[in-house]
């Protein structure tokens, strides 16, 4: 089975450094095949020999990263099929004139509670927009993501769920890489 693992918070600034070559080796040592990394922020495409639950897979990777590096790294896993469905179903792409540079996708580790969802849905995020679909948040920023109040920390703090965000070009590239190997 083919998966995409998204690591949160590595190689940002001087802290929590993990070389991609070391990361690939760690994943291969864990028994994964076809391991491909993309850029330095913790995007890994991998194969497993059998079907395993996404939660189990993420937990095993998190424990291995902690053992190897001594710090916690939240890991969010999606199947390649899930990523491809998200690409097809991005609500902001259905509007036609959208700048891809303005699109982002936040991947949540777990489903937020109904109460937390209702709290977020009622927040005015103008001029930016977001739409929550299951464990994913589609974001359209009117300017730069770094200037938006719809950052990763906002959603984690409000929804009380770990998450990690990727720009749309990265999401597309991960889908493309998943077709190799």
N, C-alpha and C. Protein backbone atom coordinates (compact mmCIF):
# COMPACT_ATOMS: atom_id res chain seq x y z
N UNK A 1 0.86 -1.18 0.00
CA UNK A 1 0.00 0.00 0.00
C UNK A 1 0.90 1.24 0.00
N UNK A 2 0.47 2.28 -0.68
CA UNK A 2 1.25 3.52 -0.82
C UNK A 2 0.66 4.61 0.08
N UNK A 3 1.53 5.25 0.87
CA UNK A 3 1.13 6.29 1.81
C UNK A 3 1.99 7.53 1.65
N UNK A 4 1.47 8.62 2.20
CA UNK A 4 2.25 9.85 2.31
C UNK A 4 2.25 10.23 3.78
N UNK A 5 3.47 10.35 4.34
CA UNK A 5 3.64 10.77 5.73
C UNK A 5 4.08 12.22 5.74
N UNK A 6 3.41 13.01 6.56
CA UNK A 6 3.71 14.43 6.67
C UNK A 6 4.19 14.70 8.09
N UNK A 7 5.43 15.14 8.21
CA UNK A 7 6.01 15.42 9.52
C UNK A 7 5.82 16.89 9.82
N UNK A 8 5.46 17.17 11.05
CA UNK A 8 5.21 18.56 11.45
C UNK A 8 6.40 19.13 12.20
N UNK A 9 6.84 20.30 11.75
CA UNK A 9 7.78 21.09 12.54
C UNK A 9 9.24 20.67 12.50
N UNK A 10 9.68 20.02 11.42
CA UNK A 10 11.12 19.73 11.34
C UNK A 10 11.79 20.69 10.36
N UNK A 11 13.07 20.90 10.58
CA UNK A 11 13.92 21.71 9.69
C UNK A 11 13.39 23.13 9.47
N UNK A 12 12.82 23.67 10.52
CA UNK A 12 12.38 25.07 10.47
C UNK A 12 13.33 25.84 11.37
N UNK A 13 14.10 26.71 10.77
CA UNK A 13 15.13 27.41 11.54
C UNK A 13 16.27 26.47 11.87
N UNK A 14 16.89 26.68 13.01
CA UNK A 14 18.06 25.89 13.40
C UNK A 14 17.70 24.66 14.23
N UNK A 15 16.45 24.51 14.55
CA UNK A 15 16.06 23.47 15.49
C UNK A 15 15.36 22.30 14.80
N UNK A 16 15.38 21.18 15.51
CA UNK A 16 14.69 19.97 15.05
C UNK A 16 15.12 19.58 13.64
N UNK A 17 16.43 19.55 13.44
CA UNK A 17 17.01 19.23 12.14
C UNK A 17 17.03 17.72 11.90
N UNK A 18 16.59 17.34 10.73
CA UNK A 18 16.69 15.95 10.28
C UNK A 18 17.07 16.01 8.80
N UNK A 19 18.20 15.43 8.46
CA UNK A 19 18.61 15.37 7.06
C UNK A 19 17.71 14.40 6.31
N UNK A 20 17.35 14.75 5.09
CA UNK A 20 16.45 13.90 4.32
C UNK A 20 17.07 12.53 4.02
N UNK A 21 18.38 12.47 3.81
CA UNK A 21 19.04 11.18 3.59
C UNK A 21 18.89 10.30 4.83
N UNK A 22 19.03 10.90 6.01
CA UNK A 22 18.87 10.15 7.26
C UNK A 22 17.42 9.72 7.45
N UNK A 23 16.51 10.58 7.07
CA UNK A 23 15.09 10.27 7.19
C UNK A 23 14.72 9.10 6.27
N UNK A 24 15.21 9.13 5.03
CA UNK A 24 14.95 8.01 4.11
C UNK A 24 15.50 6.70 4.68
N UNK A 25 16.72 6.76 5.23
CA UNK A 25 17.32 5.54 5.81
C UNK A 25 16.50 5.04 6.99
N UNK A 26 16.04 5.94 7.84
CA UNK A 26 15.21 5.54 8.97
C UNK A 26 13.95 4.82 8.49
N UNK A 27 13.31 5.38 7.48
CA UNK A 27 12.09 4.77 6.94
C UNK A 27 12.38 3.41 6.30
N UNK A 28 13.49 3.31 5.60
CA UNK A 28 13.87 2.03 5.00
C UNK A 28 14.20 1.00 6.09
N UNK A 29 14.86 1.45 7.17
CA UNK A 29 15.16 0.56 8.29
C UNK A 29 13.88 0.08 8.99
N UNK A 30 12.82 0.88 8.89
CA UNK A 30 11.52 0.49 9.46
C UNK A 30 10.79 -0.51 8.56
N UNK A 31 11.37 -0.81 7.39
CA UNK A 31 10.78 -1.80 6.50
C UNK A 31 9.95 -1.25 5.36
N UNK A 32 9.95 0.08 5.20
CA UNK A 32 9.21 0.68 4.10
C UNK A 32 10.05 0.62 2.83
N UNK A 33 9.39 0.55 1.70
CA UNK A 33 10.09 0.54 0.42
C UNK A 33 9.63 1.72 -0.42
N UNK A 34 10.34 1.97 -1.51
CA UNK A 34 9.98 3.07 -2.39
C UNK A 34 9.93 4.40 -1.68
N UNK A 35 10.81 4.59 -0.69
CA UNK A 35 10.80 5.80 0.13
C UNK A 35 11.34 6.97 -0.68
N UNK A 36 10.53 8.02 -0.78
CA UNK A 36 10.91 9.24 -1.47
C UNK A 36 10.59 10.42 -0.56
N UNK A 37 11.55 11.34 -0.42
CA UNK A 37 11.28 12.56 0.35
C UNK A 37 11.15 13.72 -0.62
N UNK A 38 10.44 14.73 -0.17
CA UNK A 38 10.28 15.93 -0.99
C UNK A 38 10.50 17.16 -0.12
N UNK A 39 11.38 18.00 -0.51
CA UNK A 39 11.87 19.18 0.18
C UNK A 39 12.20 18.85 1.64
N UNK A 40 12.65 19.82 2.38
CA UNK A 40 13.22 19.58 3.70
C UNK A 40 12.20 19.60 4.85
N UNK A 41 10.93 19.75 4.55
CA UNK A 41 9.96 19.95 5.62
C UNK A 41 9.22 18.69 6.04
N UNK A 42 9.70 17.52 5.62
CA UNK A 42 9.11 16.29 6.11
C UNK A 42 7.94 15.77 5.32
N UNK A 43 8.15 15.55 4.05
CA UNK A 43 7.14 14.96 3.18
C UNK A 43 7.72 13.65 2.65
N UNK A 44 7.10 12.54 3.00
CA UNK A 44 7.64 11.23 2.63
C UNK A 44 6.57 10.39 1.96
N UNK A 45 6.92 9.86 0.79
CA UNK A 45 6.06 8.91 0.10
C UNK A 45 6.68 7.54 0.36
N UNK A 46 5.85 6.55 0.70
CA UNK A 46 6.39 5.24 1.07
C UNK A 46 5.42 4.13 0.74
N UNK A 47 5.97 2.93 0.65
CA UNK A 47 5.17 1.71 0.45
C UNK A 47 5.27 0.85 1.69
N UNK A 48 4.17 0.17 1.99
CA UNK A 48 4.20 -0.87 3.02
C UNK A 48 3.87 -2.18 2.35
N UNK A 49 4.34 -3.26 2.95
CA UNK A 49 4.10 -4.56 2.34
C UNK A 49 2.69 -5.06 2.62
N UNK A 50 2.06 -4.54 3.65
CA UNK A 50 0.70 -4.96 3.97
C UNK A 50 -0.15 -3.78 4.36
N UNK A 51 -1.42 -4.03 4.54
CA UNK A 51 -2.32 -2.95 4.95
C UNK A 51 -2.22 -2.77 6.46
N UNK A 52 -2.00 -1.55 6.85
CA UNK A 52 -1.88 -1.19 8.25
C UNK A 52 -2.73 0.05 8.49
N UNK A 53 -3.22 0.23 9.70
CA UNK A 53 -4.04 1.41 9.96
C UNK A 53 -3.17 2.66 9.91
N UNK A 54 -3.75 3.75 9.49
CA UNK A 54 -3.04 5.02 9.40
C UNK A 54 -2.55 5.45 10.77
N UNK A 55 -3.37 5.27 11.80
CA UNK A 55 -2.97 5.66 13.15
C UNK A 55 -1.78 4.84 13.63
N UNK A 56 -1.81 3.55 13.38
CA UNK A 56 -0.71 2.68 13.77
C UNK A 56 0.57 3.06 13.03
N UNK A 57 0.44 3.33 11.77
CA UNK A 57 1.58 3.73 10.95
C UNK A 57 2.18 5.03 11.48
N UNK A 58 1.35 6.03 11.73
CA UNK A 58 1.82 7.32 12.25
C UNK A 58 2.48 7.16 13.61
N UNK A 59 1.87 6.37 14.49
CA UNK A 59 2.44 6.17 15.83
C UNK A 59 3.78 5.47 15.77
N UNK A 60 3.92 4.46 14.92
CA UNK A 60 5.20 3.77 14.77
C UNK A 60 6.29 4.72 14.28
N UNK A 61 5.95 5.57 13.32
CA UNK A 61 6.92 6.53 12.79
C UNK A 61 7.29 7.54 13.87
N UNK A 62 6.30 8.05 14.60
CA UNK A 62 6.56 9.02 15.67
C UNK A 62 7.51 8.43 16.72
N UNK A 63 7.25 7.19 17.15
CA UNK A 63 8.10 6.55 18.15
C UNK A 63 9.52 6.37 17.62
N UNK A 64 9.65 5.98 16.37
CA UNK A 64 10.97 5.78 15.77
C UNK A 64 11.74 7.10 15.66
N UNK A 65 11.04 8.16 15.29
CA UNK A 65 11.67 9.47 15.20
C UNK A 65 12.14 9.94 16.58
N UNK A 66 11.32 9.72 17.59
CA UNK A 66 11.69 10.11 18.95
C UNK A 66 12.92 9.33 19.42
N UNK A 67 12.93 8.03 19.15
CA UNK A 67 14.08 7.19 19.52
C UNK A 67 15.35 7.64 18.81
N UNK A 68 15.23 8.01 17.55
CA UNK A 68 16.40 8.38 16.76
C UNK A 68 16.89 9.80 17.04
N UNK A 69 15.97 10.74 17.32
CA UNK A 69 16.36 12.14 17.41
C UNK A 69 16.13 12.80 18.76
N UNK A 70 15.37 12.15 19.64
CA UNK A 70 15.18 12.68 20.99
C UNK A 70 14.18 13.81 21.11
N UNK A 71 13.39 14.05 20.08
CA UNK A 71 12.31 15.04 20.18
C UNK A 71 11.09 14.51 19.46
N UNK A 72 9.93 15.00 19.92
CA UNK A 72 8.67 14.55 19.35
C UNK A 72 8.41 15.22 18.00
N UNK A 73 7.95 14.43 17.06
CA UNK A 73 7.57 14.93 15.74
C UNK A 73 6.19 14.37 15.43
N UNK A 74 5.16 15.21 15.45
CA UNK A 74 3.85 14.73 15.05
C UNK A 74 3.88 14.28 13.59
N UNK A 75 3.27 13.13 13.32
CA UNK A 75 3.25 12.56 11.98
C UNK A 75 1.79 12.34 11.58
N UNK A 76 1.45 12.83 10.42
CA UNK A 76 0.11 12.65 9.88
C UNK A 76 0.24 11.87 8.58
N UNK A 77 -0.55 10.82 8.46
CA UNK A 77 -0.45 9.93 7.31
C UNK A 77 -1.75 9.94 6.53
N UNK A 78 -1.62 9.95 5.22
CA UNK A 78 -2.77 9.81 4.33
C UNK A 78 -2.40 8.77 3.27
N UNK A 79 -3.41 8.07 2.78
CA UNK A 79 -3.16 7.18 1.64
C UNK A 79 -3.03 8.04 0.40
N UNK A 80 -2.40 7.50 -0.61
CA UNK A 80 -2.28 8.21 -1.88
C UNK A 80 -3.68 8.48 -2.44
N UNK A 81 -4.58 7.52 -2.27
CA UNK A 81 -5.95 7.71 -2.76
C UNK A 81 -6.62 8.90 -2.08
N UNK A 82 -6.39 9.05 -0.77
CA UNK A 82 -6.96 10.20 -0.06
C UNK A 82 -6.41 11.52 -0.60
N UNK A 83 -5.11 11.56 -0.83
CA UNK A 83 -4.49 12.78 -1.37
C UNK A 83 -5.09 13.11 -2.73
N UNK A 84 -5.23 12.11 -3.57
CA UNK A 84 -5.78 12.34 -4.91
C UNK A 84 -7.24 12.80 -4.85
N UNK A 85 -8.01 12.27 -3.91
CA UNK A 85 -9.40 12.73 -3.73
C UNK A 85 -9.43 14.18 -3.28
N UNK A 86 -8.52 14.56 -2.40
CA UNK A 86 -8.47 15.94 -1.93
C UNK A 86 -8.15 16.88 -3.09
N UNK A 87 -7.26 16.46 -3.96
CA UNK A 87 -6.91 17.28 -5.12
C UNK A 87 -8.12 17.50 -6.02
N UNK A 88 -8.85 16.44 -6.28
CA UNK A 88 -10.02 16.53 -7.15
C UNK A 88 -11.14 17.35 -6.50
N UNK A 89 -11.24 17.27 -5.18
CA UNK A 89 -12.37 17.90 -4.49
C UNK A 89 -12.06 19.22 -3.80
N UNK A 90 -10.96 19.86 -4.14
CA UNK A 90 -10.65 21.16 -3.54
C UNK A 90 -11.77 22.14 -3.88
N UNK A 91 -12.50 22.62 -2.87
CA UNK A 91 -13.66 23.49 -3.15
C UNK A 91 -13.28 24.82 -3.79
N UNK A 92 -12.05 25.29 -3.59
CA UNK A 92 -11.66 26.57 -4.14
C UNK A 92 -11.27 26.49 -5.60
N UNK A 93 -10.97 25.31 -6.07
CA UNK A 93 -10.64 25.15 -7.49
C UNK A 93 -11.89 25.11 -8.36
N UNK A 94 -13.03 24.89 -7.75
CA UNK A 94 -14.28 24.83 -8.50
C UNK A 94 -14.77 26.22 -8.91
N UNK A 95 -14.15 27.25 -8.32
CA UNK A 95 -14.56 28.62 -8.61
C UNK A 95 -13.92 29.19 -9.86
N UNK A 96 -13.02 28.47 -10.46
CA UNK A 96 -12.40 28.93 -11.70
C UNK A 96 -11.15 29.74 -11.49
N UNK A 97 -11.27 31.03 -11.32
CA UNK A 97 -10.12 31.93 -11.26
C UNK A 97 -9.50 31.93 -9.87
N UNK A 98 -8.59 30.99 -9.66
CA UNK A 98 -7.92 30.88 -8.37
C UNK A 98 -6.42 30.82 -8.61
N UNK A 99 -5.69 31.61 -7.85
CA UNK A 99 -4.24 31.56 -7.91
C UNK A 99 -3.76 30.39 -7.05
N UNK A 100 -3.13 29.43 -7.67
CA UNK A 100 -2.68 28.22 -6.96
C UNK A 100 -1.75 28.59 -5.81
N UNK A 101 -0.99 29.67 -5.96
CA UNK A 101 -0.07 30.10 -4.90
C UNK A 101 -0.80 30.48 -3.61
N UNK A 102 -2.08 30.71 -3.70
CA UNK A 102 -2.88 31.12 -2.54
C UNK A 102 -3.53 29.94 -1.81
N UNK A 103 -3.41 28.74 -2.41
CA UNK A 103 -4.07 27.56 -1.84
C UNK A 103 -3.15 26.80 -0.90
N UNK A 104 -3.72 26.33 0.20
CA UNK A 104 -3.00 25.52 1.17
C UNK A 104 -3.94 24.43 1.69
N UNK A 105 -3.35 23.41 2.26
CA UNK A 105 -4.14 22.32 2.81
C UNK A 105 -3.56 21.93 4.16
N UNK A 106 -4.39 22.02 5.18
CA UNK A 106 -3.99 21.60 6.51
C UNK A 106 -4.52 20.20 6.73
N UNK A 107 -3.62 19.30 7.10
CA UNK A 107 -3.96 17.91 7.38
C UNK A 107 -4.06 17.74 8.89
N UNK A 108 -5.21 17.31 9.37
CA UNK A 108 -5.39 17.09 10.80
C UNK A 108 -5.14 15.63 11.15
N UNK A 109 -4.57 15.43 12.34
CA UNK A 109 -4.27 14.06 12.78
C UNK A 109 -5.55 13.31 13.12
N UNK A 110 -6.49 14.00 13.72
CA UNK A 110 -7.76 13.38 14.14
C UNK A 110 -8.93 14.27 13.72
N UNK A 111 -10.11 13.69 13.78
CA UNK A 111 -11.31 14.48 13.53
C UNK A 111 -11.60 15.36 14.74
N UNK A 112 -11.83 16.65 14.54
CA UNK A 112 -12.19 17.52 15.66
C UNK A 112 -13.61 17.20 16.15
N UNK A 113 -13.88 17.58 17.39
CA UNK A 113 -15.22 17.38 17.93
C UNK A 113 -16.20 18.34 17.24
N UNK A 114 -17.46 17.99 17.28
CA UNK A 114 -18.50 18.85 16.69
C UNK A 114 -18.47 20.23 17.33
N UNK A 115 -18.30 20.28 18.65
CA UNK A 115 -18.28 21.56 19.36
C UNK A 115 -17.14 22.46 18.86
N UNK A 116 -15.97 21.87 18.68
CA UNK A 116 -14.81 22.64 18.19
C UNK A 116 -15.02 23.08 16.74
N UNK A 117 -15.60 22.21 15.93
CA UNK A 117 -15.89 22.57 14.54
C UNK A 117 -16.85 23.75 14.46
N UNK A 118 -17.90 23.71 15.27
CA UNK A 118 -18.88 24.80 15.26
C UNK A 118 -18.24 26.12 15.67
N UNK A 119 -17.31 26.05 16.61
CA UNK A 119 -16.60 27.26 17.04
C UNK A 119 -15.78 27.86 15.91
N UNK A 120 -15.09 27.02 15.16
CA UNK A 120 -14.23 27.49 14.06
C UNK A 120 -15.05 27.98 12.88
N UNK A 121 -16.11 27.27 12.55
CA UNK A 121 -16.92 27.63 11.39
C UNK A 121 -17.51 29.03 11.53
N UNK A 122 -17.79 29.45 12.76
CA UNK A 122 -18.39 30.76 13.00
C UNK A 122 -17.39 31.91 13.06
N UNK A 123 -16.11 31.63 12.87
CA UNK A 123 -15.10 32.67 12.91
C UNK A 123 -15.02 33.37 11.55
N UNK A 124 -14.99 34.69 11.60
CA UNK A 124 -14.86 35.47 10.36
C UNK A 124 -13.39 35.53 9.99
N UNK A 125 -13.03 34.90 8.90
CA UNK A 125 -11.63 34.85 8.47
C UNK A 125 -11.35 35.76 7.29
N UNK A 126 -12.29 36.64 6.97
CA UNK A 126 -12.17 37.55 5.84
C UNK A 126 -10.86 38.33 5.94
N UNK A 127 -10.11 38.46 4.89
CA UNK A 127 -10.42 38.18 3.50
C UNK A 127 -10.04 36.75 3.07
N UNK A 128 -9.51 35.96 4.00
CA UNK A 128 -9.14 34.59 3.68
C UNK A 128 -10.35 33.68 3.85
N UNK A 129 -10.26 32.48 3.27
CA UNK A 129 -11.38 31.54 3.33
C UNK A 129 -10.85 30.16 3.69
N UNK A 130 -11.69 29.38 4.31
CA UNK A 130 -11.34 27.99 4.59
C UNK A 130 -12.57 27.12 4.56
N UNK A 131 -12.34 25.85 4.30
CA UNK A 131 -13.42 24.87 4.33
C UNK A 131 -12.87 23.58 4.92
N UNK A 132 -13.57 23.08 5.93
CA UNK A 132 -13.15 21.85 6.60
C UNK A 132 -13.89 20.67 5.99
N UNK A 133 -13.12 19.67 5.58
CA UNK A 133 -13.69 18.44 5.04
C UNK A 133 -13.02 17.28 5.76
N UNK A 134 -13.78 16.65 6.64
CA UNK A 134 -13.27 15.55 7.46
C UNK A 134 -12.04 16.00 8.24
N UNK A 135 -10.88 15.37 8.01
CA UNK A 135 -9.66 15.71 8.73
C UNK A 135 -8.74 16.60 7.90
N UNK A 136 -9.34 17.44 7.09
CA UNK A 136 -8.57 18.30 6.19
C UNK A 136 -9.20 19.69 6.14
N UNK A 137 -8.34 20.70 6.02
CA UNK A 137 -8.82 22.07 5.93
C UNK A 137 -8.24 22.71 4.67
N UNK A 138 -9.10 23.02 3.73
CA UNK A 138 -8.71 23.73 2.53
C UNK A 138 -8.67 25.22 2.86
N UNK A 139 -7.59 25.88 2.48
CA UNK A 139 -7.41 27.29 2.81
C UNK A 139 -7.11 28.07 1.53
N UNK A 140 -7.76 29.22 1.42
CA UNK A 140 -7.44 30.17 0.35
C UNK A 140 -7.05 31.47 1.03
N UNK A 141 -5.81 31.89 0.82
CA UNK A 141 -5.30 33.13 1.41
C UNK A 141 -5.36 34.25 0.39
N UNK A 142 -5.86 35.39 0.83
CA UNK A 142 -5.93 36.53 -0.08
C UNK A 142 -4.55 37.09 -0.38
N UNK A 143 -3.63 36.91 0.56
CA UNK A 143 -2.24 37.35 0.36
C UNK A 143 -1.34 36.17 0.70
N UNK A 144 -0.33 36.40 1.50
CA UNK A 144 0.60 35.33 1.89
C UNK A 144 0.05 34.50 3.04
N UNK A 145 0.34 33.20 3.02
CA UNK A 145 -0.07 32.32 4.10
C UNK A 145 0.50 32.81 5.43
N UNK A 146 1.73 33.28 5.40
CA UNK A 146 2.37 33.75 6.63
C UNK A 146 1.67 34.98 7.21
N UNK A 147 0.89 35.69 6.42
CA UNK A 147 0.15 36.85 6.90
C UNK A 147 -1.28 36.51 7.33
N UNK A 148 -1.70 35.30 7.08
CA UNK A 148 -3.07 34.90 7.37
C UNK A 148 -3.23 34.48 8.83
N UNK A 149 -4.40 34.76 9.37
CA UNK A 149 -4.67 34.26 10.71
C UNK A 149 -5.08 32.78 10.68
N UNK A 150 -5.20 32.21 9.48
CA UNK A 150 -5.59 30.82 9.33
C UNK A 150 -4.38 29.88 9.29
N UNK A 151 -3.40 30.17 10.09
CA UNK A 151 -2.20 29.34 10.15
C UNK A 151 -2.43 28.05 10.91
N UNK A 152 -1.44 27.21 10.86
CA UNK A 152 -1.49 25.91 11.51
C UNK A 152 -1.78 26.03 13.00
N UNK A 153 -1.13 26.97 13.67
CA UNK A 153 -1.30 27.15 15.11
C UNK A 153 -2.73 27.53 15.45
N UNK A 154 -3.33 28.39 14.63
CA UNK A 154 -4.73 28.79 14.87
C UNK A 154 -5.64 27.56 14.89
N UNK A 155 -5.52 26.71 13.87
CA UNK A 155 -6.40 25.55 13.80
C UNK A 155 -6.09 24.54 14.91
N UNK A 156 -4.83 24.33 15.21
CA UNK A 156 -4.49 23.39 16.29
C UNK A 156 -5.04 23.88 17.63
N UNK A 157 -4.87 25.16 17.91
CA UNK A 157 -5.35 25.71 19.19
C UNK A 157 -6.86 25.74 19.29
N UNK A 158 -7.52 26.05 18.20
CA UNK A 158 -8.98 26.16 18.21
C UNK A 158 -9.66 24.80 18.17
N UNK A 159 -9.13 23.90 17.34
CA UNK A 159 -9.75 22.57 17.19
C UNK A 159 -9.22 21.55 18.19
N UNK A 160 -8.09 21.86 18.84
CA UNK A 160 -7.45 20.95 19.81
C UNK A 160 -7.06 19.63 19.14
N UNK A 161 -6.53 19.75 17.92
CA UNK A 161 -6.08 18.60 17.13
C UNK A 161 -4.75 18.99 16.47
N UNK A 162 -3.79 18.07 16.48
CA UNK A 162 -2.52 18.32 15.79
C UNK A 162 -2.76 18.38 14.29
N UNK A 163 -2.00 19.23 13.62
CA UNK A 163 -2.12 19.35 12.18
C UNK A 163 -0.83 19.84 11.56
N UNK A 164 -0.75 19.75 10.27
CA UNK A 164 0.39 20.29 9.52
C UNK A 164 -0.13 20.78 8.18
N UNK A 165 0.45 21.86 7.71
CA UNK A 165 -0.05 22.52 6.50
C UNK A 165 0.98 22.44 5.38
N UNK A 166 0.47 22.24 4.17
CA UNK A 166 1.32 22.24 2.98
C UNK A 166 0.69 23.17 1.95
N UNK A 167 1.54 23.83 1.17
CA UNK A 167 0.98 24.64 0.09
C UNK A 167 0.49 23.70 -1.01
N UNK A 168 -0.34 24.23 -1.88
CA UNK A 168 -1.00 23.38 -2.89
C UNK A 168 -0.01 22.76 -3.86
N UNK A 169 1.04 23.50 -4.19
CA UNK A 169 2.05 22.95 -5.10
C UNK A 169 2.72 21.72 -4.49
N UNK A 170 2.94 21.73 -3.19
CA UNK A 170 3.53 20.57 -2.52
C UNK A 170 2.57 19.39 -2.54
N UNK A 171 1.30 19.65 -2.31
CA UNK A 171 0.29 18.59 -2.36
C UNK A 171 0.29 17.94 -3.75
N UNK A 172 0.31 18.76 -4.77
CA UNK A 172 0.33 18.24 -6.14
C UNK A 172 1.60 17.44 -6.41
N UNK A 173 2.73 17.93 -5.93
CA UNK A 173 4.00 17.23 -6.14
C UNK A 173 4.02 15.89 -5.41
N UNK A 174 3.45 15.82 -4.22
CA UNK A 174 3.40 14.55 -3.49
C UNK A 174 2.55 13.53 -4.25
N UNK A 175 1.47 13.99 -4.84
CA UNK A 175 0.65 13.09 -5.66
C UNK A 175 1.46 12.59 -6.84
N UNK A 176 2.17 13.48 -7.49
CA UNK A 176 3.00 13.11 -8.63
C UNK A 176 4.08 12.09 -8.22
N UNK A 177 4.76 12.36 -7.11
CA UNK A 177 5.80 11.46 -6.63
C UNK A 177 5.26 10.09 -6.24
N UNK A 178 4.01 10.06 -5.82
CA UNK A 178 3.41 8.79 -5.40
C UNK A 178 3.20 7.84 -6.58
N UNK A 179 3.25 8.37 -7.78
CA UNK A 179 3.05 7.54 -8.97
C UNK A 179 4.37 6.89 -9.42
N UNK A 180 5.47 7.31 -8.80
CA UNK A 180 6.80 6.75 -9.10
C UNK A 180 7.08 5.67 -8.06
N UNK A 181 7.74 4.59 -8.45
CA UNK A 181 8.06 3.44 -7.57
C UNK A 181 6.83 2.64 -7.29
